[in-house]
Amino acid sequence: MTGWDTLVVVDVQSGFLTTEALRTLPSRIGDFIRQDRPATVVATVYRNDALAPCRLLSGWAGCADAADLELAAPLPQLVDVVHVKNTYGCSDLTATGRTLVVGVDTDVCVTVVAAGLFDAGVDVHVALDLCGSSGGPSAHRAGGVVLQRILGAERLV
């Protein structure tokens, strides 16, 4: 898994690192960045603000406090650009060349971000071993199934 032009780190922030498995994810992603040295590392942070569909349509109030929005260590020192978003996807995200997506939640934001890049014609892949879900292992596996249907099995690395 080498030679990535862009790495997109989706929502690896304090508010989503709710299980022990997820709490190890930032250091594993950090190790990957230091080893692979992608040309550009982009991170997204989900902010559930007053205009967020999750707040307006489902009443979910999580990930609204500043502490929930902090990009988890060691990522702040390894990321080139941070996009703050209030939706599952990130419409202003640009990626070039071979792009790898990692992060949280596999079954929600990772899938929507990867599908958006795919729809934009980006050569996008997802590293499932560098993803996880606050919904647990079954939600992570479900996200993998959906990603395989959207991107194709050869794009899951």
C-alpha atoms as a PDB file:
ATOM      1  CA  MET A   1       0.000   0.000   0.000  1.00  0.00           C
ATOM      2  CA  THR A   2       2.425   2.681  -1.175  1.00  0.00           C
ATOM      3  CA  GLY A   3       2.697   5.542  -3.612  1.00  0.00           C
ATOM      4  CA  TRP A   4      -0.373   7.578  -2.705  1.00  0.00           C
ATOM      5  CA  ASP A   5      -0.647  11.121  -4.021  1.00  0.00           C
ATOM      6  CA  THR A   6      -3.418  12.097  -1.598  1.00  0.00           C
ATOM      7  CA  LEU A   7      -4.463  10.610   1.719  1.00  0.00           C
ATOM      8  CA  VAL A   8      -7.883  11.645   3.014  1.00  0.00           C
ATOM      9  CA  VAL A   9      -8.332  11.102   6.760  1.00  0.00           C
ATOM     10  CA  VAL A  10     -12.060  11.214   7.511  1.00  0.00           C
ATOM     11  CA  ASP A  11     -13.326  12.426  10.905  1.00  0.00           C
ATOM     12  CA  VAL A  12     -10.602  10.956  13.137  1.00  0.00           C
ATOM     13  CA  GLN A  13     -11.594  13.308  15.922  1.00  0.00           C
ATOM     14  CA  SER A  14     -12.189  13.015  19.654  1.00  0.00           C
ATOM     15  CA  GLY A  15     -15.990  12.869  19.409  1.00  0.00           C
ATOM     16  CA  PHE A  16     -15.963   9.668  17.346  1.00  0.00           C
ATOM     17  CA  LEU A  17     -13.197   7.723  19.115  1.00  0.00           C
ATOM     18  CA  THR A  18     -15.638   5.994  21.423  1.00  0.00           C
ATOM     19  CA  THR A  19     -14.221   2.457  21.593  1.00  0.00           C
ATOM     20  CA  GLU A  20     -10.790   1.038  22.362  1.00  0.00           C
ATOM     21  CA  ALA A  21     -10.466  -0.165  18.752  1.00  0.00           C
ATOM     22  CA  LEU A  22     -11.151   3.353  17.474  1.00  0.00           C
ATOM     23  CA  ARG A  23      -8.781   4.940  19.989  1.00  0.00           C
ATOM     24  CA  THR A  24      -5.863   3.027  18.397  1.00  0.00           C
ATOM     25  CA  LEU A  25      -6.777   4.248  14.913  1.00  0.00           C
ATOM     26  CA  PRO A  26      -5.048   7.684  15.036  1.00  0.00           C
ATOM     27  CA  SER A  27      -1.650   6.193  15.907  1.00  0.00           C
ATOM     28  CA  ARG A  28      -2.007   3.515  13.208  1.00  0.00           C
ATOM     29  CA  ILE A  29      -2.888   6.192  10.637  1.00  0.00           C
ATOM     30  CA  GLY A  30       0.037   8.304  11.878  1.00  0.00           C
ATOM     31  CA  ASP A  31       2.401   5.345  11.420  1.00  0.00           C
ATOM     32  CA  PHE A  32       1.058   4.852   7.895  1.00  0.00           C
ATOM     33  CA  ILE A  33       1.612   8.529   7.017  1.00  0.00           C
ATOM     34  CA  ARG A  34       5.194   8.454   8.320  1.00  0.00           C
ATOM     35  CA  GLN A  35       5.963   5.241   6.408  1.00  0.00           C
ATOM     36  CA  ASP A  36       4.211   5.940   3.106  1.00  0.00           C
ATOM     37  CA  ARG A  37       4.696   9.723   2.966  1.00  0.00           C
ATOM     38  CA  PRO A  38       1.737  10.621   0.720  1.00  0.00           C
ATOM     39  CA  ALA A  39       2.267  13.866  -1.187  1.00  0.00           C
ATOM     40  CA  THR A  40      -0.748  15.526   0.465  1.00  0.00           C
ATOM     41  CA  VAL A  41      -2.625  14.600   3.631  1.00  0.00           C
ATOM     42  CA  VAL A  42      -6.125  16.051   3.925  1.00  0.00           C
ATOM     43  CA  ALA A  43      -8.320  15.599   6.997  1.00  0.00           C
ATOM     44  CA  THR A  44     -12.003  16.207   7.492  1.00  0.00           C
ATOM     45  CA  VAL A  45     -13.608  17.120  10.809  1.00  0.00           C
ATOM     46  CA  TYR A  46     -17.341  16.768  11.356  1.00  0.00           C
ATOM     47  CA  ARG A  47     -18.986  19.667  13.201  1.00  0.00           C
ATOM     48  CA  ASN A  48     -22.609  19.091  14.147  1.00  0.00           C
ATOM     49  CA  ASP A  49     -23.578  22.751  14.090  1.00  0.00           C
ATOM     50  CA  ALA A  50     -27.042  24.335  14.056  1.00  0.00           C
ATOM     51  CA  LEU A  51     -27.344  23.814  10.275  1.00  0.00           C
ATOM     52  CA  ALA A  52     -26.140  20.208  10.201  1.00  0.00           C
ATOM     53  CA  PRO A  53     -28.690  17.772   8.765  1.00  0.00           C
ATOM     54  CA  CYS A  54     -27.951  15.313  11.602  1.00  0.00           C
ATOM     55  CA  ARG A  55     -29.040  17.938  14.125  1.00  0.00           C
ATOM     56  CA  LEU A  56     -31.958  19.301  12.083  1.00  0.00           C
ATOM     57  CA  LEU A  57     -33.412  16.048  10.758  1.00  0.00           C
ATOM     58  CA  SER A  58     -32.529  13.425  13.361  1.00  0.00           C
ATOM     59  CA  GLY A  59     -32.019  15.500  16.496  1.00  0.00           C
ATOM     60  CA  TRP A  60     -28.535  14.088  17.139  1.00  0.00           C
ATOM     61  CA  ALA A  61     -26.564  16.614  19.194  1.00  0.00           C
ATOM     62  CA  GLY A  62     -23.139  14.919  19.415  1.00  0.00           C
ATOM     63  CA  CYS A  63     -19.897  16.313  17.993  1.00  0.00           C
ATOM     64  CA  ALA A  64     -20.890  19.894  18.652  1.00  0.00           C
ATOM     65  CA  ASP A  65     -18.445  20.832  21.424  1.00  0.00           C
ATOM     66  CA  ALA A  66     -14.925  22.039  20.686  1.00  0.00           C
ATOM     67  CA  ALA A  67     -13.442  19.036  22.511  1.00  0.00           C
ATOM     68  CA  ASP A  68     -15.330  16.660  20.174  1.00  0.00           C
ATOM     69  CA  LEU A  69     -13.864  18.371  17.111  1.00  0.00           C
ATOM     70  CA  GLU A  70     -10.186  17.989  17.959  1.00  0.00           C
ATOM     71  CA  LEU A  71      -8.244  16.016  15.387  1.00  0.00           C
ATOM     72  CA  ALA A  72      -6.717  13.123  17.335  1.00  0.00           C
ATOM     73  CA  ALA A  73      -2.975  13.020  18.012  1.00  0.00           C
ATOM     74  CA  PRO A  74      -0.610  12.554  16.224  1.00  0.00           C
ATOM     75  CA  LEU A  75      -2.619  13.738  13.203  1.00  0.00           C
ATOM     76  CA  PRO A  76      -2.491  17.538  13.715  1.00  0.00           C
ATOM     77  CA  GLN A  77       1.264  17.497  13.056  1.00  0.00           C
ATOM     78  CA  LEU A  78       0.918  15.231   9.990  1.00  0.00           C
ATOM     79  CA  VAL A  79      -1.978  16.828   8.107  1.00  0.00           C
ATOM     80  CA  ASP A  80      -1.535  19.480   5.395  1.00  0.00           C
ATOM     81  CA  VAL A  81      -5.157  20.666   5.083  1.00  0.00           C
ATOM     82  CA  VAL A  82      -8.237  20.354   7.333  1.00  0.00           C
ATOM     83  CA  HIS A  83     -11.785  20.625   5.979  1.00  0.00           C
ATOM     84  CA  VAL A  84     -14.493  21.251   8.575  1.00  0.00           C
ATOM     85  CA  LYS A  85     -17.837  19.920   7.369  1.00  0.00           C
ATOM     86  CA  ASN A  86     -21.353  19.566   8.741  1.00  0.00           C
ATOM     87  CA  THR A  87     -22.516  16.775   6.425  1.00  0.00           C
ATOM     88  CA  TYR A  88     -21.487  13.174   5.890  1.00  0.00           C
ATOM     89  CA  GLY A  89     -19.658  14.094   2.695  1.00  0.00           C
ATOM     90  CA  CYS A  90     -17.302  16.932   1.878  1.00  0.00           C
ATOM     91  CA  SER A  91     -18.271  18.691  -1.337  1.00  0.00           C
ATOM     92  CA  ASP A  92     -15.272  21.063  -1.309  1.00  0.00           C
ATOM     93  CA  LEU A  93     -12.741  18.265  -0.940  1.00  0.00           C
ATOM     94  CA  THR A  94     -10.248  18.019  -3.778  1.00  0.00           C
ATOM     95  CA  ALA A  95      -7.886  15.123  -4.296  1.00  0.00           C
ATOM     96  CA  THR A  96      -5.482  14.407  -7.116  1.00  0.00           C
ATOM     97  CA  GLY A  97      -3.803  11.286  -8.414  1.00  0.00           C
ATOM     98  CA  ARG A  98      -3.989   8.021  -6.522  1.00  0.00           C
ATOM     99  CA  THR A  99      -6.077   8.773  -3.454  1.00  0.00           C
ATOM    100  CA  LEU A 100      -6.505   6.667  -0.334  1.00  0.00           C
ATOM    101  CA  VAL A 101      -9.360   7.228   2.129  1.00  0.00           C
ATOM    102  CA  VAL A 102      -9.161   6.150   5.782  1.00  0.00           C
ATOM    103  CA  GLY A 103     -11.035   7.077   8.956  1.00  0.00           C
ATOM    104  CA  VAL A 104     -14.335   6.981  10.829  1.00  0.00           C
ATOM    105  CA  ASP A 105     -17.171   5.871  10.320  1.00  0.00           C
ATOM    106  CA  THR A 106     -16.632   3.253   7.612  1.00  0.00           C
ATOM    107  CA  ASP A 107     -20.380   2.833   7.149  1.00  0.00           C
ATOM    108  CA  VAL A 108     -21.206   6.534   6.967  1.00  0.00           C
ATOM    109  CA  CYS A 109     -18.707   9.344   6.335  1.00  0.00           C
ATOM    110  CA  VAL A 110     -15.905   7.205   4.881  1.00  0.00           C
ATOM    111  CA  THR A 111     -18.349   5.686   2.395  1.00  0.00           C
ATOM    112  CA  VAL A 112     -19.917   9.015   1.423  1.00  0.00           C
ATOM    113  CA  VAL A 113     -16.531  10.773   1.032  1.00  0.00           C
ATOM    114  CA  ALA A 114     -15.092   7.901  -1.031  1.00  0.00           C
ATOM    115  CA  ALA A 115     -18.210   7.721  -3.219  1.00  0.00           C
ATOM    116  CA  GLY A 116     -18.096  11.475  -3.802  1.00  0.00           C
ATOM    117  CA  LEU A 117     -14.468  11.298  -4.912  1.00  0.00           C
ATOM    118  CA  PHE A 118     -15.253   8.300  -7.132  1.00  0.00           C
ATOM    119  CA  ASP A 119     -18.158  10.207  -8.715  1.00  0.00           C
ATOM    120  CA  ALA A 120     -15.783  13.125  -9.352  1.00  0.00           C
ATOM    121  CA  GLY A 121     -13.498  10.793 -11.334  1.00  0.00           C
ATOM    122  CA  VAL A 122     -10.761  10.500  -8.693  1.00  0.00           C
ATOM    123  CA  ASP A 123      -8.691   7.278  -8.610  1.00  0.00           C
ATOM    124  CA  VAL A 124      -9.903   6.517  -5.072  1.00  0.00           C
ATOM    125  CA  HIS A 125      -9.236   3.523  -2.821  1.00  0.00           C
ATOM    126  CA  VAL A 126     -10.146   2.749   0.806  1.00  0.00           C
ATOM    127  CA  ALA A 127      -7.882   1.046   3.364  1.00  0.00           C
ATOM    128  CA  LEU A 128     -10.405  -0.841   5.488  1.00  0.00           C
ATOM    129  CA  ASP A 129      -7.746  -1.773   8.051  1.00  0.00           C
ATOM    130  CA  LEU A 130      -7.292   1.972   8.710  1.00  0.00           C
ATOM    131  CA  CYS A 131     -11.036   2.553   9.157  1.00  0.00           C
ATOM    132  CA  GLY A 132     -13.519   1.820  11.906  1.00  0.00           C
ATOM    133  CA  SER A 133     -17.017   2.598  13.033  1.00  0.00           C
ATOM    134  CA  SER A 134     -18.467   3.971  16.239  1.00  0.00           C
ATOM    135  CA  GLY A 135     -21.347   1.628  15.395  1.00  0.00           C
ATOM    136  CA  GLY A 136     -19.054  -1.330  16.093  1.00  0.00           C
ATOM    137  CA  PRO A 137     -17.562  -4.135  14.026  1.00  0.00           C
ATOM    138  CA  SER A 138     -20.813  -5.055  12.257  1.00  0.00           C
ATOM    139  CA  ALA A 139     -21.281  -1.461  11.058  1.00  0.00           C
ATOM    140  CA  HIS A 140     -17.642  -1.414   9.870  1.00  0.00           C
ATOM    141  CA  ARG A 141     -18.173  -4.675   7.942  1.00  0.00           C
ATOM    142  CA  ALA A 142     -21.414  -3.335   6.438  1.00  0.00           C
ATOM    143  CA  GLY A 143     -19.534  -0.247   5.269  1.00  0.00           C
ATOM    144  CA  GLY A 144     -16.968  -2.502   3.612  1.00  0.00           C
ATOM    145  CA  VAL A 145     -19.708  -4.356   1.736  1.00  0.00           C
ATOM    146  CA  VAL A 146     -21.235  -1.107   0.493  1.00  0.00           C
ATOM    147  CA  LEU A 147     -17.821   0.279  -0.496  1.00  0.00           C
ATOM    148  CA  GLN A 148     -17.111  -2.895  -2.476  1.00  0.00           C
ATOM    149  CA  ARG A 149     -20.394  -2.412  -4.339  1.00  0.00           C
ATOM    150  CA  ILE A 150     -19.679   1.273  -5.038  1.00  0.00           C
ATOM    151  CA  LEU A 151     -15.952   1.238  -5.793  1.00  0.00           C
ATOM    152  CA  GLY A 152     -15.264  -2.401  -6.679  1.00  0.00           C
ATOM    153  CA  ALA A 153     -13.308  -4.957  -4.658  1.00  0.00           C
ATOM    154  CA  GLU A 154     -10.018  -3.975  -6.310  1.00  0.00           C
ATOM    155  CA  ARG A 155     -10.273  -0.488  -4.749  1.00  0.00           C
ATOM    156  CA  LEU A 156     -10.371  -1.825  -1.181  1.00  0.00           C
ATOM    157  CA  VAL A 157      -6.816  -2.259   0.018  1.00  0.00           C
END
